[in-house]
Amino acid sequence: MEKSQEIKPFILHILQEVDEEIGKGRLEGITLNVAGNSRLMAIERVTGEDFGILCRLLKNNPYINGLDVRYNLLSDIGACYAAKLLQKQHNLTYLNLMFNDIGPEGGEVIAKALHKDTTLKHLRMTGNKIENKGGMYFAAMLQINSSLEKLDLGDCDLEESTVHLGHMLKENQWLVELHMCKHDIKNGGMKQLCDALYLNRSLRYLDVSCNKITQDGMVCLADVLRSNTTLEVIDLSFNRMENAGAKYLSDTLASHNRTLKALSVVSNNIEGEGLVALSQSMKTNPTLSNIYIWGNKFDEATCVAYSDLIHMGRLKPDNTDVEPFVVDGRVYLAEVSNGLKRHYYWIPGYGAACSQSSNAGFTLVPVGQHL
């Protein structure tokens, strides 16, 4: 691989490692990891101009299929270089730009570059404050692009983005996974999304965690799930569905839906009645295999219900975030480190970075090999 003296030493070291992999005969499936939050090596964060140099080195390289530059300082300058790379490098299937100080203008140029891209399958824009303006360009792009399968627009300062993204979901029949956490979605926005989901036949993983959806939004979702046959994973963590919302979902899961595999209702202000209803739905629903409930209000009936599911083998210990234990004859639930996306913002410095039980959403709906 061509080198440049202008590029930072730690990036040169990473490029040398890639050269070694190529020298050993590995000619495809290589991801260049230049993450700015690595704790395993001393690094200096990449700026927009640094990224421009790196892109020039990569544009004609057929062996690099993935590029991870999360937690750097690319800004809108780096976004322009990323857009040019997408136009010239036709082997790139994975691009992680999360938390890079990219704003609305940077979001616009990346979205426009994807109008003609036919290879990128997975894009993470997480944490870049592209705001509603940038979000509108992504929504427009998704009505044209037919190759992107996984898009993460979480924590991008999009507010009530469901008007544009909902319209997109009616048109786009290729997107498999969509992350919309921290979009300030309320019940009206959830209804717009659900209206689109009646027509969508490709989306398998929907993440609307960390929003403002209450029981009224769950009425809409429960109704969609009566007829939807594609959604397999839904993340509703950190909303406020409460008992009523949980019961709406449990009724549908018990009697109608047979395609949903995983549901997260973490921290939704659900009490025993709603939690027990969800546990009961698993007894009649053979498909729902993963459920995450920590952060709600457990009573004794809740603890017994989930303990029974685990002990009878209906709920595998790796497929939930609670573990039963007994003190003085009474059953309690303890938290365990399982979930749909425990490593959404970070990757552990040791152990299995892509643990299936900690990141079950990525296992159930695989799009590439990357977090």
Protein backbone atom coordinates (compact mmCIF):
# COMPACT_ATOMS: atom_id res chain seq x y z
CA MET A 1 0.00 0.00 0.00
CA GLU A 2 1.24 3.49 -0.87
CA LYS A 3 2.46 5.52 2.13
CA SER A 4 2.74 9.21 2.85
CA GLN A 5 5.08 11.00 5.27
CA GLU A 6 2.31 13.49 6.03
CA ILE A 7 0.15 10.89 7.72
CA LYS A 8 0.31 10.42 11.48
CA PRO A 9 2.58 7.65 12.83
CA PHE A 10 -0.17 5.58 14.44
CA ILE A 11 -2.13 5.54 11.18
CA LEU A 12 0.99 4.43 9.34
CA HIS A 13 1.30 1.61 11.87
CA ILE A 14 -2.29 0.51 11.14
CA LEU A 15 -1.63 0.67 7.39
CA GLN A 16 1.47 -1.47 7.85
CA GLU A 17 -0.62 -4.07 9.66
CA VAL A 18 -3.04 -4.08 6.73
CA ASP A 19 -0.10 -4.59 4.35
CA GLU A 20 0.95 -7.58 6.44
CA GLU A 21 -2.53 -9.06 6.22
CA ILE A 22 -2.50 -8.62 2.45
CA GLY A 23 0.97 -10.16 2.32
CA LYS A 24 -0.38 -13.24 4.10
CA GLY A 25 -2.95 -13.69 1.35
CA ARG A 26 -5.98 -11.99 2.92
CA LEU A 27 -7.36 -10.16 -0.10
CA GLU A 28 -10.85 -9.20 1.04
CA GLY A 29 -12.94 -8.37 4.09
CA ILE A 30 -10.35 -6.06 5.67
CA THR A 31 -11.63 -3.27 7.93
CA LEU A 32 -9.29 -0.37 8.64
CA ASN A 33 -9.80 0.56 12.30
CA VAL A 34 -8.71 4.11 13.10
CA ALA A 35 -11.07 4.60 16.03
CA GLY A 36 -10.22 7.63 18.15
CA ASN A 37 -11.32 6.02 21.41
CA SER A 38 -9.00 3.02 21.40
CA ARG A 39 -7.62 2.20 24.84
CA LEU A 40 -5.18 -0.38 23.56
CA MET A 41 -2.72 2.00 21.93
CA ALA A 42 -1.62 5.63 22.24
CA ILE A 43 -3.34 7.59 19.52
CA GLU A 44 -3.76 11.12 18.26
CA ARG A 45 -7.22 11.83 16.94
CA VAL A 46 -7.65 12.18 13.20
CA THR A 47 -8.63 15.60 11.82
CA GLY A 48 -10.47 16.33 8.59
CA GLU A 49 -7.23 16.99 6.73
CA ASP A 50 -5.65 13.80 8.09
CA PHE A 51 -8.67 11.92 6.84
CA GLY A 52 -8.25 13.49 3.41
CA ILE A 53 -4.75 12.02 3.18
CA LEU A 54 -6.03 8.64 4.32
CA CYS A 55 -8.81 8.70 1.74
CA ARG A 56 -6.32 9.35 -1.04
CA LEU A 57 -4.41 6.25 0.05
CA LEU A 58 -7.56 4.15 0.12
CA LYS A 59 -9.44 5.24 -2.98
CA ASN A 60 -7.74 2.71 -5.27
CA ASN A 61 -7.28 -0.07 -2.72
CA PRO A 62 -9.47 -3.07 -3.56
CA TYR A 63 -8.79 -4.94 -0.32
CA ILE A 64 -10.34 -2.49 2.18
CA ASN A 65 -14.06 -3.18 2.62
CA GLY A 66 -14.62 -1.40 5.93
CA LEU A 67 -13.48 1.89 7.48
CA ASP A 68 -13.98 2.72 11.16
CA VAL A 69 -13.02 6.28 12.15
CA ARG A 70 -15.38 6.72 15.12
CA TYR A 71 -14.61 9.29 17.83
CA ASN A 72 -12.23 11.47 15.82
CA LEU A 73 -12.31 15.13 14.73
CA LEU A 74 -13.29 14.88 11.08
CA SER A 75 -15.86 17.73 11.09
CA ASP A 76 -17.55 18.79 7.85
CA ILE A 77 -14.13 18.87 6.16
CA GLY A 78 -13.71 15.15 6.76
CA ALA A 79 -17.31 14.55 5.67
CA CYS A 80 -16.46 16.03 2.26
CA TYR A 81 -13.53 13.63 1.93
CA ALA A 82 -15.77 10.73 3.02
CA ALA A 83 -18.25 11.69 0.28
CA LYS A 84 -15.47 11.69 -2.33
CA LEU A 85 -14.26 8.31 -1.08
CA LEU A 86 -17.75 6.85 -1.47
CA GLN A 87 -17.81 8.07 -5.05
CA LYS A 88 -14.40 6.60 -5.93
CA GLN A 89 -13.93 3.51 -3.74
CA HIS A 90 -16.36 0.88 -5.00
CA ASN A 91 -15.46 -1.86 -2.52
CA LEU A 92 -16.48 -0.09 0.68
CA THR A 93 -19.41 -1.82 2.40
CA TYR A 94 -19.01 -0.44 5.96
CA LEU A 95 -18.33 3.14 7.11
CA ASN A 96 -18.41 4.23 10.75
CA LEU A 97 -18.32 8.01 11.24
CA MET A 98 -19.93 8.17 14.69
CA PHE A 99 -19.11 11.17 16.92
CA ASN A 100 -16.94 13.16 14.53
CA ASP A 101 -18.34 16.70 14.89
CA ILE A 102 -20.07 16.44 11.52
CA GLY A 103 -22.84 19.04 11.14
CA PRO A 104 -25.76 19.63 8.75
CA GLU A 105 -23.52 20.55 5.79
CA GLY A 106 -21.40 17.44 6.25
CA GLY A 107 -24.53 15.32 6.51
CA GLU A 108 -25.79 16.80 3.26
CA VAL A 109 -22.67 15.96 1.23
CA ILE A 110 -22.54 12.39 2.56
CA ALA A 111 -26.24 11.83 1.84
CA LYS A 112 -25.86 13.21 -1.70
CA ALA A 113 -22.84 10.96 -2.33
CA LEU A 114 -25.03 7.97 -1.49
CA HIS A 115 -27.51 8.81 -4.24
CA LYS A 116 -25.32 6.95 -6.74
CA ASP A 117 -23.48 4.57 -4.39
CA THR A 118 -24.25 0.90 -5.00
CA THR A 119 -21.89 -0.85 -2.55
CA LEU A 120 -22.16 0.65 0.96
CA LYS A 121 -24.37 -1.52 3.17
CA HIS A 122 -23.78 -0.14 6.68
CA LEU A 123 -23.36 3.52 7.70
CA ARG A 124 -23.10 4.85 11.25
CA MET A 125 -23.65 8.58 11.66
CA THR A 126 -24.38 8.25 15.39
CA GLY A 127 -23.71 11.34 17.49
CA ASN A 128 -23.02 13.72 14.61
CA LYS A 129 -25.31 16.74 15.01
CA ILE A 130 -26.61 16.88 11.47
CA GLU A 131 -29.95 18.21 12.79
CA ASN A 132 -33.22 18.18 10.86
CA LYS A 133 -31.62 19.70 7.77
CA GLY A 134 -29.12 16.86 7.42
CA GLY A 135 -31.80 14.32 8.32
CA MET A 136 -34.00 15.49 5.46
CA TYR A 137 -31.17 14.81 2.99
CA PHE A 138 -30.77 11.28 4.35
CA ALA A 139 -34.51 10.67 4.09
CA ALA A 140 -34.44 11.87 0.47
CA MET A 141 -31.41 9.70 -0.29
CA LEU A 142 -33.12 6.59 1.05
CA GLN A 143 -35.89 6.97 -1.51
CA ILE A 144 -33.22 6.54 -4.22
CA ASN A 145 -30.46 4.35 -2.77
CA SER A 146 -31.11 0.61 -3.03
CA SER A 147 -27.91 -0.80 -1.50
CA LEU A 148 -27.81 0.62 2.05
CA GLU A 149 -29.18 -1.97 4.49
CA LYS A 150 -28.26 -0.52 7.88
CA LEU A 151 -28.38 3.15 8.86
CA ASP A 152 -27.76 4.63 12.29
CA LEU A 153 -28.95 8.21 12.76
CA GLY A 154 -29.16 7.97 16.55
CA ASP A 155 -28.28 10.99 18.70
CA CYS A 156 -27.97 13.30 15.67
CA ASP A 157 -30.13 16.14 17.06
CA LEU A 158 -33.01 15.20 14.82
CA GLU A 159 -36.32 16.24 16.33
CA GLU A 160 -39.56 14.57 15.29
CA SER A 161 -37.85 13.24 12.17
CA THR A 162 -40.65 10.76 11.60
CA VAL A 163 -42.42 12.84 8.94
CA HIS A 164 -39.53 12.47 6.48
CA LEU A 165 -38.23 9.08 7.60
CA GLY A 166 -41.75 7.69 7.71
CA HIS A 167 -42.34 8.77 4.11
CA MET A 168 -39.01 7.15 3.21
CA LEU A 169 -40.03 3.82 4.76
CA LYS A 170 -43.09 3.74 2.51
CA GLU A 171 -40.83 3.97 -0.55
CA ASN A 172 -37.65 2.14 0.51
CA GLN A 173 -37.85 -1.65 0.37
CA TRP A 174 -34.16 -2.42 0.98
CA LEU A 175 -33.33 -0.95 4.39
CA VAL A 176 -33.10 -3.73 6.98
CA GLU A 177 -32.05 -1.86 10.14
CA LEU A 178 -32.79 1.72 11.27
CA HIS A 179 -31.65 3.38 14.49
CA MET A 180 -33.62 6.48 15.57
CA CYS A 181 -32.71 6.80 19.23
CA LYS A 182 -32.83 10.27 20.82
CA HIS A 183 -35.02 11.77 18.08
CA ASP A 184 -37.53 13.33 20.47
CA ILE A 185 -40.22 11.06 18.99
CA LYS A 186 -43.60 11.45 20.67
CA ASN A 187 -46.85 9.56 20.11
CA GLY A 188 -47.74 11.49 16.94
CA GLY A 189 -44.36 10.65 15.46
CA MET A 190 -44.74 7.00 16.43
CA LYS A 191 -48.08 6.92 14.60
CA GLN A 192 -46.40 8.31 11.46
CA LEU A 193 -43.76 5.60 11.67
CA CYS A 194 -46.38 2.91 12.17
CA ASP A 195 -48.40 4.16 9.19
CA ALA A 196 -45.27 3.66 7.09
CA LEU A 197 -44.59 0.21 8.55
CA TYR A 198 -47.91 -1.05 7.21
CA LEU A 199 -46.42 -0.62 3.71
CA ASN A 200 -42.76 -1.49 4.38
CA ARG A 201 -41.65 -5.06 3.71
CA SER A 202 -37.90 -4.90 4.38
CA LEU A 203 -37.24 -3.42 7.83
CA ARG A 204 -36.32 -6.10 10.38
CA TYR A 205 -34.72 -4.05 13.20
CA LEU A 206 -36.25 -0.80 14.47
CA ASP A 207 -34.57 1.18 17.26
CA VAL A 208 -36.68 3.98 18.74
CA SER A 209 -35.08 3.94 22.18
CA CYS A 210 -34.58 7.07 24.30
CA ASN A 211 -37.62 8.92 22.99
CA LYS A 212 -40.91 10.16 24.49
CA ILE A 213 -43.31 7.43 23.43
CA THR A 214 -46.09 6.53 25.87
CA GLN A 215 -48.97 4.05 25.93
CA ASP A 216 -50.75 5.81 23.03
CA GLY A 217 -47.77 5.14 20.78
CA MET A 218 -47.87 1.49 21.84
CA VAL A 219 -51.46 1.24 20.61
CA CYS A 220 -50.22 2.09 17.10
CA LEU A 221 -47.26 -0.29 17.30
CA ALA A 222 -49.36 -3.15 18.65
CA ASP A 223 -51.77 -2.71 15.76
CA VAL A 224 -48.93 -2.79 13.20
CA LEU A 225 -47.53 -5.96 14.75
CA ARG A 226 -50.82 -7.73 14.14
CA SER A 227 -50.11 -7.76 10.40
CA ASN A 228 -46.39 -6.98 10.00
CA THR A 229 -44.34 -10.07 9.08
CA THR A 230 -40.86 -8.58 8.73
CA LEU A 231 -39.96 -6.83 12.01
CA GLU A 232 -37.82 -9.14 14.13
CA VAL A 233 -36.17 -6.78 16.66
CA ILE A 234 -37.71 -3.70 18.31
CA ASP A 235 -35.86 -1.54 20.82
CA LEU A 236 -38.25 0.56 22.92
CA SER A 237 -35.85 1.13 25.82
CA PHE A 238 -36.04 4.37 27.79
CA ASN A 239 -39.52 5.45 26.76
CA ARG A 240 -42.60 5.55 29.00
CA MET A 241 -45.07 2.90 27.91
CA GLU A 242 -46.08 1.97 31.49
CA ASN A 243 -48.48 -0.89 32.26
CA ALA A 244 -51.06 0.00 29.63
CA GLY A 245 -48.52 0.08 26.80
CA ALA A 246 -46.96 -3.20 27.91
CA LYS A 247 -50.39 -4.85 27.94
CA TYR A 248 -51.21 -3.62 24.42
CA LEU A 249 -47.98 -5.21 23.16
CA SER A 250 -48.43 -8.42 25.15
CA ASP A 251 -51.95 -8.94 23.79
CA THR A 252 -50.70 -8.71 20.20
CA LEU A 253 -47.66 -10.91 20.87
CA ALA A 254 -49.80 -13.53 22.57
CA SER A 255 -52.48 -13.81 19.90
CA HIS A 256 -51.30 -12.45 16.55
CA ASN A 257 -47.62 -11.72 15.89
CA ARG A 258 -45.32 -14.66 15.17
CA THR A 259 -42.29 -12.95 13.63
CA LEU A 260 -40.88 -10.71 16.38
CA LYS A 261 -37.85 -12.35 17.98
CA ALA A 262 -36.55 -9.70 20.39
CA LEU A 263 -38.14 -6.88 22.39
CA SER A 264 -36.46 -4.43 24.77
CA VAL A 265 -38.65 -2.47 27.17
CA VAL A 266 -35.85 -1.44 29.51
CA SER A 267 -36.69 1.55 31.75
CA ASN A 268 -40.27 2.16 30.65
CA ASN A 269 -41.90 2.71 34.05
CA ILE A 270 -43.69 -0.65 33.77
CA GLU A 271 -44.95 -2.21 36.98
CA GLY A 272 -45.71 -5.81 37.88
CA GLU A 273 -49.00 -6.06 36.00
CA GLY A 274 -47.47 -5.07 32.67
CA LEU A 275 -44.29 -7.11 33.14
CA VAL A 276 -46.24 -10.23 34.04
CA ALA A 277 -48.45 -9.75 30.96
CA LEU A 278 -45.34 -9.70 28.75
CA SER A 279 -44.05 -12.86 30.42
CA GLN A 280 -47.39 -14.58 29.84
CA SER A 281 -47.25 -13.72 26.12
CA MET A 282 -44.03 -15.73 25.82
CA LYS A 283 -45.88 -18.86 26.91
CA THR A 284 -48.14 -18.78 23.86
CA ASN A 285 -45.74 -17.09 21.43
CA PRO A 286 -43.09 -19.58 20.20
CA THR A 287 -41.07 -17.01 18.22
CA LEU A 288 -40.26 -14.32 20.78
CA SER A 289 -36.94 -15.51 22.21
CA ASN A 290 -35.33 -12.38 23.71
CA ILE A 291 -36.86 -9.93 26.17
CA TYR A 292 -35.12 -7.21 28.20
CA ILE A 293 -36.93 -5.66 31.17
CA TRP A 294 -34.37 -4.16 33.59
CA GLY A 295 -35.04 -0.66 34.93
CA ASN A 296 -38.76 -1.20 35.50
CA LYS A 297 -40.65 -1.72 38.77
CA PHE A 298 -40.35 -5.36 39.81
CA ASP A 299 -42.75 -6.84 42.33
CA GLU A 300 -42.75 -10.41 43.64
CA ALA A 301 -45.10 -11.62 40.88
CA THR A 302 -42.72 -10.24 38.24
CA CYS A 303 -39.72 -11.97 39.79
CA VAL A 304 -41.54 -15.29 39.99
CA ALA A 305 -42.88 -15.02 36.44
CA TYR A 306 -39.48 -14.48 34.82
CA SER A 307 -37.80 -16.98 37.12
CA ASP A 308 -40.34 -19.57 35.95
CA LEU A 309 -39.72 -18.73 32.27
CA ILE A 310 -35.98 -19.23 32.76
CA HIS A 311 -36.24 -22.42 34.82
CA MET A 312 -38.72 -24.07 32.44
CA GLY A 313 -36.34 -23.31 29.54
CA ARG A 314 -38.72 -20.99 27.69
CA LEU A 315 -36.37 -18.01 28.23
CA LYS A 316 -32.66 -18.74 27.92
CA PRO A 317 -30.40 -16.93 30.42
CA ASP A 318 -28.39 -15.34 27.58
CA ASN A 319 -31.58 -13.91 26.04
CA THR A 320 -32.61 -11.62 28.88
CA ASP A 321 -31.02 -9.03 31.15
CA VAL A 322 -32.22 -10.47 34.47
CA GLU A 323 -31.20 -13.46 36.55
CA PRO A 324 -33.26 -14.90 39.42
CA PHE A 325 -31.91 -15.53 42.93
CA VAL A 326 -33.56 -16.48 46.18
CA VAL A 327 -33.18 -14.88 49.61
CA ASP A 328 -35.12 -16.23 52.60
CA GLY A 329 -37.44 -18.11 50.30
CA ARG A 330 -38.34 -15.10 48.15
CA VAL A 331 -37.38 -14.75 44.47
CA TYR A 332 -35.60 -11.60 43.26
CA LEU A 333 -34.13 -10.54 39.91
CA ALA A 334 -30.58 -9.26 39.42
CA GLU A 335 -29.28 -7.41 36.36
CA VAL A 336 -26.93 -9.19 33.97
CA SER A 337 -24.98 -7.60 31.12
CA ASN A 338 -27.12 -8.82 28.24
CA GLY A 339 -29.05 -6.68 25.78
CA LEU A 340 -29.71 -5.72 22.18
CA LYS A 341 -26.77 -3.29 21.92
CA ARG A 342 -24.72 -3.09 25.11
CA HIS A 343 -21.70 -2.02 23.07
CA TYR A 344 -23.51 0.63 21.05
CA TYR A 345 -21.24 3.48 22.13
CA TRP A 346 -18.09 1.58 23.08
CA ILE A 347 -16.23 -1.71 22.63
CA PRO A 348 -14.59 -3.44 25.61
CA GLY A 349 -10.80 -3.45 25.69
CA TYR A 350 -10.65 -7.14 26.49
CA GLY A 351 -12.80 -10.25 26.07
CA ALA A 352 -15.21 -10.88 23.23
CA ALA A 353 -15.96 -7.49 21.71
CA CYS A 354 -18.97 -8.80 19.81
CA SER A 355 -20.52 -10.99 22.51
CA GLN A 356 -23.79 -12.38 21.18
CA SER A 357 -25.60 -12.05 24.50
CA SER A 358 -24.51 -8.41 24.95
CA ASN A 359 -25.35 -7.41 21.37
CA ALA A 360 -28.21 -9.74 20.47
CA GLY A 361 -29.74 -7.31 17.98
CA PHE A 362 -26.70 -7.54 15.72
CA THR A 363 -26.77 -11.35 15.96
CA LEU A 364 -30.47 -11.72 15.20
CA VAL A 365 -30.34 -9.30 12.26
CA PRO A 366 -26.80 -9.50 10.88
CA VAL A 367 -25.72 -6.82 8.41
CA GLY A 368 -21.99 -7.29 7.90
CA GLN A 369 -19.74 -8.13 10.81
CA HIS A 370 -19.48 -4.72 12.43
CA LEU A 371 -20.88 -2.89 15.44
